[in-house]
Amino acid sequence: MQNIVLFGPPGAGKGTQSAFLVDHFGFVHLSTGDIFRSNIKGDTELGRLAKTYMEKGQLVPDEVTIRMLEDSANAHQAAKGFIFDGFPRTTAQAQSLDQFLEGKGQSILGMLALEVPEEELRTRLAKRAETSGRADDADPKVIQKRIDVYNEETAPVAKHYQSQGKYQGVQGVGSMEEIFGRLSAAIQDLS
């Protein structure tokens, strides 16, 4: 089974590229944002719990996030592999993901990190605000805060996979097709 962590800052193109990779390789896309929304909308026990934190403006604790992700992964027993998008966001989440997969006789094959300069990220997010109506992408201060939080809190997760020899940076600038080609080649190299 091929399990890939697709990594990168906000605006790097993880969601767009995940859709291409799912179509091409037959992976199951596990996005924590989608999983949160589904659990909250479905009024699941975990969704209600997550919502209590989110309503207070707090981060959902790792253990709740991990349980939601595990439930989603377990619902796809026949999957060829998973693309983890937006997860792990902390080293503790990365360690928990390793333990969860290990218990299933699996592991993360690699972390593919989309590398995009910050100025390009700001441009992409501002354009996304125009086309998708996402308010969080419209304010330059909010955009910068999201990039800063990524750099300070999420980017260190890469070290976890670097220490395992599973990290691979992928240039995330170019056409969608060029970036998809680079990611596909990287996945082929991991196999």
N, C-alpha and C. Protein backbone atom coordinates (compact mmCIF):
# COMPACT_ATOMS: atom_id res chain seq x y z
N MET A 1 0.84 -1.17 0.00
CA MET A 1 0.00 0.00 0.00
C MET A 1 0.89 1.24 0.00
N GLN A 2 0.52 2.19 -0.83
CA GLN A 2 1.27 3.45 -0.92
C GLN A 2 0.55 4.52 -0.12
N ASN A 3 1.18 4.97 0.95
CA ASN A 3 0.63 6.04 1.76
C ASN A 3 1.56 7.24 1.66
N ILE A 4 1.00 8.36 1.21
CA ILE A 4 1.78 9.56 0.93
C ILE A 4 1.25 10.71 1.78
N VAL A 5 2.16 11.48 2.36
CA VAL A 5 1.79 12.74 2.99
C VAL A 5 2.10 13.83 1.97
N LEU A 6 1.06 14.56 1.56
CA LEU A 6 1.25 15.70 0.66
C LEU A 6 1.30 16.93 1.55
N PHE A 7 2.41 17.62 1.50
CA PHE A 7 2.74 18.65 2.48
C PHE A 7 3.02 19.96 1.79
N GLY A 8 2.79 21.04 2.48
CA GLY A 8 3.12 22.35 1.95
C GLY A 8 2.30 23.42 2.63
N PRO A 9 2.70 24.65 2.45
CA PRO A 9 2.01 25.77 3.08
C PRO A 9 0.65 26.05 2.44
N PRO A 10 -0.15 26.90 3.08
CA PRO A 10 -1.43 27.29 2.47
C PRO A 10 -1.19 27.91 1.10
N GLY A 11 -1.96 27.46 0.11
CA GLY A 11 -1.81 27.99 -1.24
C GLY A 11 -0.81 27.25 -2.10
N ALA A 12 -0.19 26.20 -1.56
CA ALA A 12 0.82 25.46 -2.33
C ALA A 12 0.19 24.60 -3.42
N GLY A 13 -1.10 24.29 -3.29
CA GLY A 13 -1.77 23.48 -4.31
C GLY A 13 -2.04 22.05 -3.89
N LYS A 14 -2.01 21.78 -2.60
CA LYS A 14 -2.21 20.41 -2.11
C LYS A 14 -3.56 19.84 -2.53
N GLY A 15 -4.62 20.62 -2.36
CA GLY A 15 -5.96 20.12 -2.71
C GLY A 15 -6.09 19.84 -4.19
N THR A 16 -5.60 20.76 -5.01
CA THR A 16 -5.66 20.61 -6.47
C THR A 16 -4.87 19.38 -6.90
N GLN A 17 -3.65 19.25 -6.41
CA GLN A 17 -2.80 18.14 -6.82
C GLN A 17 -3.30 16.81 -6.26
N SER A 18 -3.89 16.84 -5.07
CA SER A 18 -4.46 15.61 -4.51
C SER A 18 -5.52 15.03 -5.43
N ALA A 19 -6.37 15.91 -5.98
CA ALA A 19 -7.43 15.45 -6.88
C ALA A 19 -6.82 14.76 -8.11
N PHE A 20 -5.75 15.33 -8.66
CA PHE A 20 -5.09 14.70 -9.82
C PHE A 20 -4.48 13.35 -9.43
N LEU A 21 -3.85 13.29 -8.27
CA LEU A 21 -3.19 12.06 -7.83
C LEU A 21 -4.20 10.96 -7.54
N VAL A 22 -5.35 11.33 -6.97
CA VAL A 22 -6.42 10.36 -6.72
C VAL A 22 -6.89 9.76 -8.05
N ASP A 23 -7.13 10.63 -9.03
CA ASP A 23 -7.58 10.16 -10.34
C ASP A 23 -6.55 9.25 -11.01
N HIS A 24 -5.28 9.63 -10.92
CA HIS A 24 -4.23 8.91 -11.63
C HIS A 24 -3.81 7.60 -10.93
N PHE A 25 -3.66 7.65 -9.60
CA PHE A 25 -3.12 6.51 -8.88
C PHE A 25 -4.18 5.69 -8.13
N GLY A 26 -5.40 6.22 -8.01
CA GLY A 26 -6.43 5.50 -7.29
C GLY A 26 -6.32 5.59 -5.78
N PHE A 27 -5.60 6.59 -5.28
CA PHE A 27 -5.49 6.79 -3.84
C PHE A 27 -6.82 7.25 -3.27
N VAL A 28 -6.96 7.11 -1.96
CA VAL A 28 -8.05 7.74 -1.22
C VAL A 28 -7.48 9.01 -0.61
N HIS A 29 -8.17 10.11 -0.82
CA HIS A 29 -7.73 11.42 -0.32
C HIS A 29 -8.30 11.63 1.07
N LEU A 30 -7.44 11.78 2.07
CA LEU A 30 -7.89 12.07 3.43
C LEU A 30 -7.41 13.46 3.80
N SER A 31 -8.35 14.39 3.79
CA SER A 31 -8.09 15.77 4.14
C SER A 31 -8.72 16.04 5.49
N THR A 32 -7.93 16.53 6.44
CA THR A 32 -8.48 16.78 7.77
C THR A 32 -9.60 17.80 7.71
N GLY A 33 -9.48 18.80 6.85
CA GLY A 33 -10.56 19.79 6.72
C GLY A 33 -11.86 19.13 6.30
N ASP A 34 -11.80 18.26 5.28
CA ASP A 34 -12.99 17.55 4.82
C ASP A 34 -13.54 16.63 5.92
N ILE A 35 -12.63 15.96 6.62
CA ILE A 35 -13.05 15.04 7.68
C ILE A 35 -13.74 15.80 8.82
N PHE A 36 -13.18 16.95 9.21
CA PHE A 36 -13.81 17.77 10.25
C PHE A 36 -15.21 18.18 9.81
N ARG A 37 -15.31 18.74 8.60
CA ARG A 37 -16.61 19.22 8.11
C ARG A 37 -17.63 18.08 8.06
N SER A 38 -17.21 16.92 7.60
CA SER A 38 -18.12 15.76 7.49
C SER A 38 -18.60 15.31 8.87
N ASN A 39 -17.69 15.25 9.84
CA ASN A 39 -18.08 14.83 11.18
C ASN A 39 -18.99 15.84 11.86
N ILE A 40 -18.72 17.12 11.65
CA ILE A 40 -19.57 18.16 12.25
C ILE A 40 -20.95 18.14 11.59
N LYS A 41 -20.97 18.08 10.26
CA LYS A 41 -22.25 18.06 9.54
C LYS A 41 -23.05 16.80 9.89
N GLY A 42 -22.35 15.67 10.03
CA GLY A 42 -23.01 14.42 10.35
C GLY A 42 -23.36 14.29 11.83
N ASP A 43 -22.99 15.30 12.60
CA ASP A 43 -23.29 15.34 14.03
C ASP A 43 -22.79 14.08 14.74
N THR A 44 -21.58 13.63 14.38
CA THR A 44 -20.99 12.47 15.05
C THR A 44 -20.48 12.89 16.42
N GLU A 45 -20.21 11.91 17.25
CA GLU A 45 -19.66 12.19 18.58
C GLU A 45 -18.36 12.99 18.47
N LEU A 46 -17.47 12.56 17.57
CA LEU A 46 -16.21 13.27 17.40
C LEU A 46 -16.43 14.66 16.80
N GLY A 47 -17.40 14.78 15.91
CA GLY A 47 -17.72 16.08 15.32
C GLY A 47 -18.21 17.06 16.37
N ARG A 48 -19.07 16.59 17.26
CA ARG A 48 -19.57 17.45 18.35
C ARG A 48 -18.42 17.87 19.26
N LEU A 49 -17.54 16.94 19.55
CA LEU A 49 -16.40 17.25 20.41
C LEU A 49 -15.48 18.28 19.74
N ALA A 50 -15.17 18.07 18.47
CA ALA A 50 -14.32 19.02 17.73
C ALA A 50 -14.96 20.40 17.68
N LYS A 51 -16.27 20.42 17.49
CA LYS A 51 -16.98 21.69 17.37
C LYS A 51 -16.87 22.51 18.65
N THR A 52 -16.86 21.84 19.81
CA THR A 52 -16.75 22.59 21.07
C THR A 52 -15.43 23.36 21.14
N TYR A 53 -14.37 22.79 20.62
CA TYR A 53 -13.07 23.49 20.60
C TYR A 53 -13.08 24.60 19.56
N MET A 54 -13.61 24.29 18.38
CA MET A 54 -13.59 25.25 17.28
C MET A 54 -14.43 26.48 17.61
N GLU A 55 -15.55 26.28 18.31
CA GLU A 55 -16.41 27.41 18.67
C GLU A 55 -15.72 28.36 19.65
N LYS A 56 -14.74 27.84 20.39
CA LYS A 56 -13.99 28.67 21.33
C LYS A 56 -12.74 29.26 20.68
N GLY A 57 -12.55 28.97 19.38
CA GLY A 57 -11.37 29.47 18.68
C GLY A 57 -10.11 28.69 19.02
N GLN A 58 -10.28 27.50 19.58
CA GLN A 58 -9.14 26.68 19.98
C GLN A 58 -8.86 25.63 18.91
N LEU A 59 -7.61 25.17 18.88
CA LEU A 59 -7.27 24.06 18.00
C LEU A 59 -7.88 22.79 18.54
N VAL A 60 -8.34 21.95 17.64
CA VAL A 60 -8.87 20.65 18.04
C VAL A 60 -7.67 19.82 18.51
N PRO A 61 -7.76 19.23 19.71
CA PRO A 61 -6.62 18.46 20.22
C PRO A 61 -6.22 17.31 19.28
N ASP A 62 -4.94 16.99 19.34
CA ASP A 62 -4.39 15.94 18.48
C ASP A 62 -5.18 14.65 18.59
N GLU A 63 -5.53 14.24 19.82
CA GLU A 63 -6.19 12.94 19.99
C GLU A 63 -7.54 12.89 19.28
N VAL A 64 -8.27 14.02 19.24
CA VAL A 64 -9.55 14.05 18.54
C VAL A 64 -9.33 13.99 17.03
N THR A 65 -8.38 14.79 16.55
CA THR A 65 -8.05 14.80 15.13
C THR A 65 -7.60 13.42 14.67
N ILE A 66 -6.76 12.78 15.46
CA ILE A 66 -6.23 11.46 15.10
C ILE A 66 -7.35 10.42 15.07
N ARG A 67 -8.26 10.47 16.05
CA ARG A 67 -9.37 9.51 16.06
C ARG A 67 -10.25 9.68 14.83
N MET A 68 -10.52 10.93 14.43
CA MET A 68 -11.32 11.17 13.22
C MET A 68 -10.62 10.60 11.99
N LEU A 69 -9.33 10.85 11.89
CA LEU A 69 -8.56 10.37 10.75
C LEU A 69 -8.54 8.85 10.71
N GLU A 70 -8.33 8.22 11.85
CA GLU A 70 -8.31 6.76 11.92
C GLU A 70 -9.66 6.18 11.50
N ASP A 71 -10.75 6.79 11.97
CA ASP A 71 -12.09 6.33 11.57
C ASP A 71 -12.26 6.41 10.06
N SER A 72 -11.81 7.51 9.47
CA SER A 72 -11.94 7.69 8.01
C SER A 72 -11.08 6.67 7.27
N ALA A 73 -9.86 6.46 7.73
CA ALA A 73 -8.98 5.49 7.07
C ALA A 73 -9.55 4.08 7.19
N ASN A 74 -10.07 3.75 8.36
CA ASN A 74 -10.64 2.40 8.57
C ASN A 74 -11.88 2.16 7.71
N ALA A 75 -12.53 3.22 7.28
CA ALA A 75 -13.72 3.08 6.43
C ALA A 75 -13.35 2.72 4.99
N HIS A 76 -12.06 2.73 4.67
CA HIS A 76 -11.59 2.44 3.30
C HIS A 76 -10.62 1.26 3.32
N GLN A 77 -11.12 0.11 3.72
CA GLN A 77 -10.27 -1.07 3.87
C GLN A 77 -9.62 -1.53 2.56
N ALA A 78 -10.28 -1.28 1.43
CA ALA A 78 -9.77 -1.77 0.14
C ALA A 78 -8.90 -0.74 -0.58
N ALA A 79 -8.54 0.34 0.09
CA ALA A 79 -7.77 1.40 -0.55
C ALA A 79 -6.41 0.91 -1.02
N LYS A 80 -5.98 1.43 -2.18
CA LYS A 80 -4.64 1.14 -2.69
C LYS A 80 -3.59 1.91 -1.91
N GLY A 81 -4.04 3.01 -1.32
CA GLY A 81 -3.16 3.88 -0.56
C GLY A 81 -3.89 5.16 -0.24
N PHE A 82 -3.28 5.94 0.62
CA PHE A 82 -3.89 7.20 1.05
C PHE A 82 -2.97 8.37 0.73
N ILE A 83 -3.60 9.49 0.41
CA ILE A 83 -2.91 10.78 0.38
C ILE A 83 -3.41 11.53 1.60
N PHE A 84 -2.51 11.80 2.52
CA PHE A 84 -2.85 12.57 3.71
C PHE A 84 -2.56 14.04 3.40
N ASP A 85 -3.61 14.85 3.45
CA ASP A 85 -3.55 16.27 3.09
C ASP A 85 -4.01 17.07 4.31
N GLY A 86 -3.11 17.91 4.83
CA GLY A 86 -3.44 18.68 6.01
C GLY A 86 -3.19 17.91 7.29
N PHE A 87 -2.57 16.78 7.16
CA PHE A 87 -2.25 15.92 8.30
C PHE A 87 -1.02 15.12 7.95
N PRO A 88 -0.08 14.99 8.81
CA PRO A 88 -0.01 15.52 10.17
C PRO A 88 0.44 16.99 10.19
N ARG A 89 -0.05 17.72 11.21
CA ARG A 89 0.31 19.13 11.40
C ARG A 89 1.28 19.32 12.56
N THR A 90 1.47 18.27 13.35
CA THR A 90 2.40 18.34 14.47
C THR A 90 3.23 17.06 14.48
N THR A 91 4.36 17.11 15.15
CA THR A 91 5.20 15.92 15.26
C THR A 91 4.45 14.82 16.01
N ALA A 92 3.66 15.20 17.03
CA ALA A 92 2.87 14.20 17.76
C ALA A 92 1.89 13.51 16.82
N GLN A 93 1.26 14.26 15.91
CA GLN A 93 0.35 13.66 14.94
C GLN A 93 1.11 12.72 14.00
N ALA A 94 2.31 13.12 13.59
CA ALA A 94 3.11 12.26 12.71
C ALA A 94 3.46 10.95 13.40
N GLN A 95 3.82 11.04 14.67
CA GLN A 95 4.15 9.82 15.42
C GLN A 95 2.92 8.94 15.59
N SER A 96 1.77 9.55 15.85
CA SER A 96 0.52 8.78 15.98
C SER A 96 0.14 8.12 14.66
N LEU A 97 0.33 8.85 13.56
CA LEU A 97 0.03 8.28 12.25
C LEU A 97 0.94 7.08 11.98
N ASP A 98 2.22 7.20 12.31
CA ASP A 98 3.15 6.08 12.14
C ASP A 98 2.68 4.86 12.94
N GLN A 99 2.26 5.09 14.19
CA GLN A 99 1.82 3.99 15.06
C GLN A 99 0.54 3.35 14.52
N PHE A 100 -0.39 4.19 14.07
CA PHE A 100 -1.65 3.68 13.52
C PHE A 100 -1.37 2.80 12.30
N LEU A 101 -0.56 3.29 11.38
CA LEU A 101 -0.26 2.52 10.17
C LEU A 101 0.55 1.26 10.49
N GLU A 102 1.48 1.38 11.43
CA GLU A 102 2.28 0.24 11.84
C GLU A 102 1.37 -0.89 12.34
N GLY A 103 0.32 -0.52 13.08
CA GLY A 103 -0.64 -1.50 13.59
C GLY A 103 -1.39 -2.21 12.48
N LYS A 104 -1.39 -1.63 11.28
CA LYS A 104 -2.04 -2.24 10.12
C LYS A 104 -1.01 -2.87 9.18
N GLY A 105 0.26 -2.91 9.64
CA GLY A 105 1.32 -3.48 8.81
C GLY A 105 1.70 -2.56 7.65
N GLN A 106 1.50 -1.26 7.81
CA GLN A 106 1.78 -0.29 6.76
C GLN A 106 2.68 0.82 7.30
N SER A 107 3.02 1.73 6.41
CA SER A 107 3.82 2.89 6.81
C SER A 107 3.60 4.01 5.79
N ILE A 108 4.15 5.16 6.10
CA ILE A 108 4.19 6.26 5.14
C ILE A 108 5.32 5.97 4.17
N LEU A 109 4.99 5.95 2.90
CA LEU A 109 6.00 5.71 1.87
C LEU A 109 6.89 6.94 1.73
N GLY A 110 6.27 8.12 1.78
CA GLY A 110 7.05 9.34 1.66
C GLY A 110 6.22 10.57 1.92
N MET A 111 6.92 11.64 2.26
CA MET A 111 6.31 12.96 2.38
C MET A 111 6.77 13.76 1.17
N LEU A 112 5.81 14.19 0.36
CA LEU A 112 6.11 15.03 -0.79
C LEU A 112 5.71 16.45 -0.42
N ALA A 113 6.71 17.33 -0.35
CA ALA A 113 6.47 18.70 0.10
C ALA A 113 6.51 19.65 -1.08
N LEU A 114 5.37 20.30 -1.34
CA LEU A 114 5.30 21.30 -2.40
C LEU A 114 6.02 22.56 -1.91
N GLU A 115 7.06 22.92 -2.62
CA GLU A 115 7.87 24.08 -2.23
C GLU A 115 7.52 25.26 -3.14
N VAL A 116 6.99 26.32 -2.50
CA VAL A 116 6.50 27.49 -3.22
C VAL A 116 6.97 28.73 -2.46
N PRO A 117 7.58 29.71 -3.14
CA PRO A 117 8.00 30.95 -2.46
C PRO A 117 6.81 31.68 -1.84
N GLU A 118 7.05 32.36 -0.72
CA GLU A 118 5.96 33.03 -0.01
C GLU A 118 5.22 34.06 -0.87
N GLU A 119 5.93 34.80 -1.70
CA GLU A 119 5.25 35.80 -2.53
C GLU A 119 4.24 35.13 -3.47
N GLU A 120 4.63 33.98 -4.02
CA GLU A 120 3.72 33.22 -4.88
C GLU A 120 2.52 32.71 -4.08
N LEU A 121 2.74 32.28 -2.84
CA LEU A 121 1.64 31.83 -1.99
C LEU A 121 0.63 32.95 -1.78
N ARG A 122 1.14 34.14 -1.46
CA ARG A 122 0.25 35.28 -1.23
C ARG A 122 -0.56 35.59 -2.48
N THR A 123 0.07 35.54 -3.64
CA THR A 123 -0.62 35.80 -4.91
C THR A 123 -1.70 34.74 -5.16
N ARG A 124 -1.36 33.48 -4.96
CA ARG A 124 -2.32 32.39 -5.19
C ARG A 124 -3.52 32.49 -4.26
N LEU A 125 -3.25 32.77 -2.99
CA LEU A 125 -4.34 32.84 -2.02
C LEU A 125 -5.27 34.02 -2.32
N ALA A 126 -4.70 35.14 -2.73
CA ALA A 126 -5.53 36.30 -3.09
C ALA A 126 -6.40 35.97 -4.31
N LYS A 127 -5.83 35.26 -5.29
CA LYS A 127 -6.61 34.84 -6.47
C LYS A 127 -7.70 33.85 -6.08
N ARG A 128 -7.37 32.93 -5.16
CA ARG A 128 -8.35 31.95 -4.71
C ARG A 128 -9.52 32.65 -4.02
N ALA A 129 -9.23 33.73 -3.29
CA ALA A 129 -10.31 34.49 -2.63
C ALA A 129 -11.28 35.04 -3.66
N GLU A 130 -10.76 35.48 -4.80
CA GLU A 130 -11.60 36.04 -5.86
C GLU A 130 -12.47 34.97 -6.51
N THR A 131 -11.91 33.78 -6.71
CA THR A 131 -12.64 32.74 -7.44
C THR A 131 -13.49 31.84 -6.56
N SER A 132 -13.09 31.65 -5.29
CA SER A 132 -13.82 30.71 -4.44
C SER A 132 -14.64 31.39 -3.36
N GLY A 133 -14.41 32.68 -3.17
CA GLY A 133 -15.16 33.39 -2.14
C GLY A 133 -14.70 33.08 -0.73
N ARG A 134 -13.53 32.49 -0.58
CA ARG A 134 -13.02 32.17 0.76
C ARG A 134 -12.52 33.44 1.42
N ALA A 135 -13.23 33.86 2.45
CA ALA A 135 -12.91 35.11 3.14
C ALA A 135 -11.52 35.06 3.78
N ASP A 136 -11.10 33.87 4.23
CA ASP A 136 -9.79 33.77 4.88
C ASP A 136 -8.63 34.00 3.90
N ASP A 137 -8.91 33.94 2.61
CA ASP A 137 -7.89 34.18 1.60
C ASP A 137 -7.89 35.63 1.10
N ALA A 138 -8.85 36.43 1.53
CA ALA A 138 -9.00 37.79 0.99
C ALA A 138 -8.17 38.84 1.73
N ASP A 139 -7.89 38.61 2.99
CA ASP A 139 -7.20 39.59 3.82
C ASP A 139 -5.70 39.30 3.85
N PRO A 140 -4.87 40.21 3.36
CA PRO A 140 -3.42 39.98 3.35
C PRO A 140 -2.84 39.68 4.74
N LYS A 141 -3.41 40.28 5.79
CA LYS A 141 -2.91 40.02 7.15
C LYS A 141 -3.22 38.59 7.57
N VAL A 142 -4.41 38.12 7.20
CA VAL A 142 -4.80 36.75 7.54
C VAL A 142 -3.94 35.77 6.73
N ILE A 143 -3.70 36.08 5.47
CA ILE A 143 -2.84 35.24 4.63
C ILE A 143 -1.46 35.11 5.27
N GLN A 144 -0.89 36.24 5.66
CA GLN A 144 0.45 36.21 6.24
C GLN A 144 0.46 35.44 7.56
N LYS A 145 -0.59 35.60 8.36
CA LYS A 145 -0.69 34.88 9.63
C LYS A 145 -0.72 33.37 9.37
N ARG A 146 -1.49 32.95 8.36
CA ARG A 146 -1.56 31.52 8.04
C ARG A 146 -0.21 30.99 7.60
N ILE A 147 0.52 31.76 6.80
CA ILE A 147 1.86 31.36 6.36
C ILE A 147 2.80 31.29 7.55
N ASP A 148 2.73 32.29 8.42
CA ASP A 148 3.60 32.32 9.62
C ASP A 148 3.32 31.12 10.53
N VAL A 149 2.04 30.81 10.74
CA VAL A 149 1.68 29.67 11.59
C VAL A 149 2.21 28.38 10.96
N TYR A 150 2.08 28.26 9.65
CA TYR A 150 2.62 27.08 8.96
C TYR A 150 4.13 26.98 9.21
N ASN A 151 4.85 28.09 8.99
CA ASN A 151 6.31 28.08 9.14
C ASN A 151 6.74 27.74 10.57
N GLU A 152 6.01 28.26 11.54
CA GLU A 152 6.39 28.06 12.94
C GLU A 152 5.93 26.73 13.51
N GLU A 153 4.71 26.30 13.15
CA GLU A 153 4.11 25.16 13.83
C GLU A 153 4.05 23.88 12.99
N THR A 154 3.83 24.03 11.69
CA THR A 154 3.61 22.84 10.85
C THR A 154 4.88 22.41 10.11
N ALA A 155 5.63 23.35 9.59
CA ALA A 155 6.84 23.01 8.82
C ALA A 155 7.79 22.09 9.57
N PRO A 156 7.93 22.22 10.91
CA PRO A 156 8.83 21.31 11.63
C PRO A 156 8.48 19.83 11.51
N VAL A 157 7.25 19.50 11.12
CA VAL A 157 6.87 18.09 10.93
C VAL A 157 7.74 17.44 9.86
N ALA A 158 8.21 18.23 8.91
CA ALA A 158 9.07 17.68 7.85
C ALA A 158 10.29 16.98 8.43
N LYS A 159 10.80 17.49 9.54
CA LYS A 159 12.00 16.88 10.15
C LYS A 159 11.74 15.44 10.57
N HIS A 160 10.50 15.16 10.98
CA HIS A 160 10.13 13.79 11.37
C HIS A 160 10.36 12.83 10.20
N TYR A 161 9.92 13.24 9.01
CA TYR A 161 10.07 12.38 7.84
C TYR A 161 11.47 12.45 7.25
N GLN A 162 12.15 13.58 7.40
CA GLN A 162 13.55 13.67 6.97
C GLN A 162 14.40 12.67 7.76
N SER A 163 14.13 12.57 9.06
CA SER A 163 14.92 11.66 9.90
C SER A 163 14.70 10.20 9.50
N GLN A 164 13.58 9.91 8.83
CA GLN A 164 13.28 8.56 8.36
C GLN A 164 13.71 8.35 6.90
N GLY A 165 14.26 9.41 6.29
CA GLY A 165 14.66 9.33 4.88
C GLY A 165 13.46 9.30 3.94
N LYS A 166 12.31 9.86 4.37
CA LYS A 166 11.08 9.79 3.58
C LYS A 166 10.64 11.15 3.04
N TYR A 167 11.41 12.18 3.24
CA TYR A 167 11.04 13.53 2.81
C TYR A 167 11.58 13.79 1.40
N GLN A 168 10.73 14.37 0.57
CA GLN A 168 11.17 14.78 -0.76
C GLN A 168 10.51 16.10 -1.12
N GLY A 169 11.32 17.12 -1.33
CA GLY A 169 10.80 18.41 -1.78
C GLY A 169 10.47 18.34 -3.26
N VAL A 170 9.36 18.97 -3.64
CA VAL A 170 8.92 19.00 -5.03
C VAL A 170 8.63 20.46 -5.38
N GLN A 171 9.23 20.92 -6.45
CA GLN A 171 9.01 22.31 -6.86
C GLN A 171 7.54 22.51 -7.20
N GLY A 172 6.89 23.45 -6.48
CA GLY A 172 5.46 23.66 -6.63
C GLY A 172 5.08 24.86 -7.47
N VAL A 173 6.00 25.33 -8.31
CA VAL A 173 5.72 26.46 -9.20
C VAL A 173 5.73 25.96 -10.63
N GLY A 174 4.76 26.41 -11.41
CA GLY A 174 4.62 25.99 -12.80
C GLY A 174 3.16 25.73 -13.07
N SER A 175 2.88 25.15 -14.22
CA SER A 175 1.49 24.83 -14.52
C SER A 175 1.04 23.65 -13.65
N MET A 176 -0.27 23.50 -13.50
CA MET A 176 -0.80 22.37 -12.71
C MET A 176 -0.28 21.05 -13.27
N GLU A 177 -0.18 20.97 -14.59
CA GLU A 177 0.28 19.74 -15.24
C GLU A 177 1.75 19.48 -14.95
N GLU A 178 2.57 20.54 -14.96
CA GLU A 178 4.00 20.37 -14.66
C GLU A 178 4.20 19.89 -13.22
N ILE A 179 3.46 20.50 -12.31
CA ILE A 179 3.59 20.12 -10.90
C ILE A 179 3.10 18.68 -10.70
N PHE A 180 1.99 18.33 -11.35
CA PHE A 180 1.49 16.96 -11.28
C PHE A 180 2.55 15.99 -11.81
N GLY A 181 3.21 16.35 -12.90
CA GLY A 181 4.26 15.50 -13.46
C GLY A 181 5.40 15.28 -12.47
N ARG A 182 5.78 16.34 -11.77
CA ARG A 182 6.86 16.21 -10.77
C ARG A 182 6.43 15.31 -9.61
N LEU A 183 5.18 15.50 -9.16
CA LEU A 183 4.68 14.67 -8.06
C LEU A 183 4.57 13.20 -8.49
N SER A 184 4.07 12.98 -9.69
CA SER A 184 3.94 11.59 -10.19
C SER A 184 5.30 10.91 -10.28
N ALA A 185 6.29 11.64 -10.79
CA ALA A 185 7.64 11.09 -10.88
C ALA A 185 8.18 10.78 -9.49
N ALA A 186 7.92 11.67 -8.53
CA ALA A 186 8.39 11.45 -7.16
C ALA A 186 7.74 10.20 -6.57
N ILE A 187 6.46 9.99 -6.84
CA ILE A 187 5.77 8.79 -6.33
C ILE A 187 6.35 7.55 -6.98
N GLN A 188 6.62 7.61 -8.28
CA GLN A 188 7.23 6.48 -8.98
C GLN A 188 8.59 6.15 -8.37
N ASP A 189 9.35 7.19 -8.02
CA ASP A 189 10.68 6.98 -7.41
C ASP A 189 10.56 6.32 -6.03
N LEU A 190 9.48 6.61 -5.31
CA LEU A 190 9.29 6.04 -3.98
C LEU A 190 8.91 4.56 -4.04
N SER A 191 8.24 4.19 -5.12
CA SER A 191 7.68 2.83 -5.22
C SER A 191 8.73 1.75 -5.29
